């Protein structure tokens, strides 16, 4: 079983940040401002936490999520570095970060842990989009095009 202690500080930061970046960019494709959406991603803690609980058998996900107790200065730096980025840029950054995170897990984790992490990220994106689409999350509603929602997945 892979645990958070198996990763370097930077690897742990990336594995922790990616779920929030996925949440933010999922919102970005249906939100007017990509920057506001990425900033909002950090407040989407409940979705990330609740979806992590859907993988109780994954000690890797549970230990990565336990990193929330630590100081995550890298997240603020990430926001500042990409402030003003377009939706397309935000999605490209997300894709790059996901590839890096999956690469780390491929090296240090077991195949089922890699698959669980991927499913977790997809579940986060799905939950964000579902809330935005069905419940008017953050003032957003069903007025957004299905094509934009599909792009987030």
Protein backbone atom coordinates (compact mmCIF):
# COMPACT_ATOMS: atom_id res chain seq x y z
CA UNK A 1 0.00 0.00 0.00
CA UNK A 2 1.30 3.41 -0.96
CA UNK A 3 1.12 6.12 1.70
CA UNK A 4 1.75 9.85 1.65
CA UNK A 5 5.10 9.24 3.34
CA UNK A 6 6.23 7.37 0.22
CA UNK A 7 6.25 10.65 -1.71
CA UNK A 8 8.62 13.59 -1.59
CA UNK A 9 7.22 16.90 -0.34
CA UNK A 10 6.79 18.18 -3.90
CA UNK A 11 5.14 14.95 -5.06
CA UNK A 12 2.75 15.05 -2.12
CA UNK A 13 1.91 18.68 -2.86
CA UNK A 14 1.12 17.82 -6.47
CA UNK A 15 -0.99 14.78 -5.56
CA UNK A 16 -2.91 16.92 -3.06
CA UNK A 17 -3.35 19.92 -5.38
CA UNK A 18 -4.52 18.04 -8.48
CA UNK A 19 -8.01 17.19 -7.12
CA UNK A 20 -8.60 20.88 -6.37
CA UNK A 21 -7.28 21.91 -9.79
CA UNK A 22 -9.61 19.36 -11.40
CA UNK A 23 -12.51 20.82 -9.42
CA UNK A 24 -11.59 24.37 -10.40
CA UNK A 25 -11.07 23.71 -14.07
CA UNK A 26 -14.29 21.70 -14.20
CA UNK A 27 -15.99 24.83 -12.96
CA UNK A 28 -13.92 27.01 -15.29
CA UNK A 29 -15.43 25.56 -18.44
CA UNK A 30 -18.88 26.64 -17.31
CA UNK A 31 -17.91 29.82 -15.43
CA UNK A 32 -17.27 33.22 -16.94
CA UNK A 33 -13.86 33.78 -15.34
CA UNK A 34 -11.25 31.01 -15.31
CA UNK A 35 -9.33 32.79 -12.56
CA UNK A 36 -12.37 32.97 -10.29
CA UNK A 37 -13.08 29.32 -11.00
CA UNK A 38 -9.54 28.23 -10.09
CA UNK A 39 -9.69 30.32 -6.92
CA UNK A 40 -13.06 28.76 -6.18
CA UNK A 41 -11.49 25.32 -6.55
CA UNK A 42 -9.71 25.83 -3.25
CA UNK A 43 -13.09 26.35 -1.60
CA UNK A 44 -14.49 23.16 -3.10
CA UNK A 45 -13.07 21.29 -0.15
CA UNK A 46 -16.34 19.51 0.64
CA UNK A 47 -16.62 17.95 -2.80
CA UNK A 48 -13.01 16.77 -2.73
CA UNK A 49 -13.41 15.45 0.83
CA UNK A 50 -16.71 13.72 0.16
CA UNK A 51 -15.50 12.10 -3.04
CA UNK A 52 -12.34 10.87 -1.29
CA UNK A 53 -14.61 9.05 1.15
CA UNK A 54 -16.03 7.08 -1.77
CA UNK A 55 -12.64 5.34 -1.97
CA UNK A 56 -12.19 4.05 1.61
CA UNK A 57 -10.23 1.04 0.36
CA UNK A 58 -7.58 3.31 -1.18
CA UNK A 59 -5.06 3.99 1.53
CA UNK A 60 -3.17 6.07 -1.03
CA UNK A 61 -6.10 8.49 -1.55
CA UNK A 62 -6.86 8.60 2.15
CA UNK A 63 -3.24 9.36 3.06
CA UNK A 64 -2.92 11.98 0.30
CA UNK A 65 -6.09 13.66 1.50
CA UNK A 66 -4.73 13.55 5.05
CA UNK A 67 -2.07 16.00 3.84
CA UNK A 68 -4.76 18.70 4.19
CA UNK A 69 -3.44 19.28 7.70
CA UNK A 70 -0.17 20.57 6.31
CA UNK A 71 0.64 24.01 4.93
CA UNK A 72 0.06 24.09 1.19
CA UNK A 73 1.79 27.28 0.08
CA UNK A 74 2.21 25.84 -3.39
CA UNK A 75 -1.49 26.24 -4.10
CA UNK A 76 -1.37 30.01 -3.60
CA UNK A 77 1.75 30.20 -5.76
CA UNK A 78 -0.03 28.20 -8.46
CA UNK A 79 -2.95 30.63 -8.46
CA UNK A 80 -0.68 33.69 -8.57
CA UNK A 81 1.47 32.21 -11.33
CA UNK A 82 -1.51 31.52 -13.59
CA UNK A 83 -3.67 34.49 -12.69
CA UNK A 84 -5.32 35.79 -15.81
CA UNK A 85 -4.97 32.51 -17.67
CA UNK A 86 -7.69 31.63 -20.14
CA UNK A 87 -10.00 28.63 -19.76
CA UNK A 88 -7.93 26.82 -22.35
CA UNK A 89 -4.73 27.57 -20.45
CA UNK A 90 -6.31 26.39 -17.20
CA UNK A 91 -7.36 23.12 -18.84
CA UNK A 92 -3.85 22.64 -20.29
CA UNK A 93 -2.33 23.24 -16.84
CA UNK A 94 -4.78 20.75 -15.33
CA UNK A 95 -3.91 18.14 -17.95
CA UNK A 96 -0.19 18.62 -17.36
CA UNK A 97 -0.59 18.35 -13.59
CA UNK A 98 -2.76 15.24 -13.94
CA UNK A 99 -0.14 13.61 -16.17
CA UNK A 100 2.57 14.40 -13.61
CA UNK A 101 0.49 13.05 -10.72
CA UNK A 102 -0.40 9.86 -12.58
CA UNK A 103 3.27 9.44 -13.53
CA UNK A 104 4.27 9.66 -9.87
CA UNK A 105 1.64 7.12 -8.89
CA UNK A 106 2.67 4.81 -11.73
CA UNK A 107 6.23 4.81 -10.36
CA UNK A 108 5.43 4.53 -6.66
CA UNK A 109 1.97 3.04 -6.42
CA UNK A 110 0.15 -0.10 -7.38
CA UNK A 111 -2.01 -0.24 -10.53
CA UNK A 112 -5.24 -0.32 -8.51
CA UNK A 113 -4.14 2.81 -6.63
CA UNK A 114 -3.50 4.60 -9.92
CA UNK A 115 -6.95 3.59 -11.18
CA UNK A 116 -8.61 4.68 -7.93
CA UNK A 117 -6.89 8.08 -8.14
CA UNK A 118 -8.07 8.52 -11.75
CA UNK A 119 -11.63 7.54 -10.78
CA UNK A 120 -11.45 10.00 -7.86
CA UNK A 121 -10.48 12.84 -10.20
CA UNK A 122 -13.30 11.96 -12.59
CA UNK A 123 -15.76 11.79 -9.69
CA UNK A 124 -14.66 15.25 -8.51
CA UNK A 125 -15.20 16.71 -11.99
CA UNK A 126 -18.56 15.01 -12.27
CA UNK A 127 -19.73 16.28 -8.87
CA UNK A 128 -18.67 19.87 -9.59
CA UNK A 129 -20.40 19.87 -12.95
CA UNK A 130 -23.50 18.18 -11.56
CA UNK A 131 -23.83 20.78 -8.81
CA UNK A 132 -23.21 23.63 -11.23
CA UNK A 133 -25.63 22.26 -13.78
CA UNK A 134 -28.49 21.08 -11.59
CA UNK A 135 -28.45 23.20 -8.47
CA UNK A 136 -27.30 26.57 -9.70
CA UNK A 137 -23.99 26.21 -7.86
CA UNK A 138 -22.34 29.63 -7.38
CA UNK A 139 -25.17 31.25 -9.30
CA UNK A 140 -24.67 29.04 -12.32
CA UNK A 141 -27.55 27.12 -13.76
CA UNK A 142 -28.79 25.02 -16.61
CA UNK A 143 -28.34 27.85 -19.10
CA UNK A 144 -24.82 26.67 -19.92
CA UNK A 145 -24.33 24.61 -23.04
CA UNK A 146 -23.96 20.83 -22.79
CA UNK A 147 -20.84 21.12 -24.95
CA UNK A 148 -19.11 23.22 -22.29
CA UNK A 149 -20.00 20.71 -19.59
CA UNK A 150 -18.78 17.80 -21.70
CA UNK A 151 -15.48 19.64 -22.28
CA UNK A 152 -14.74 19.53 -18.55
CA UNK A 153 -14.82 15.76 -18.53
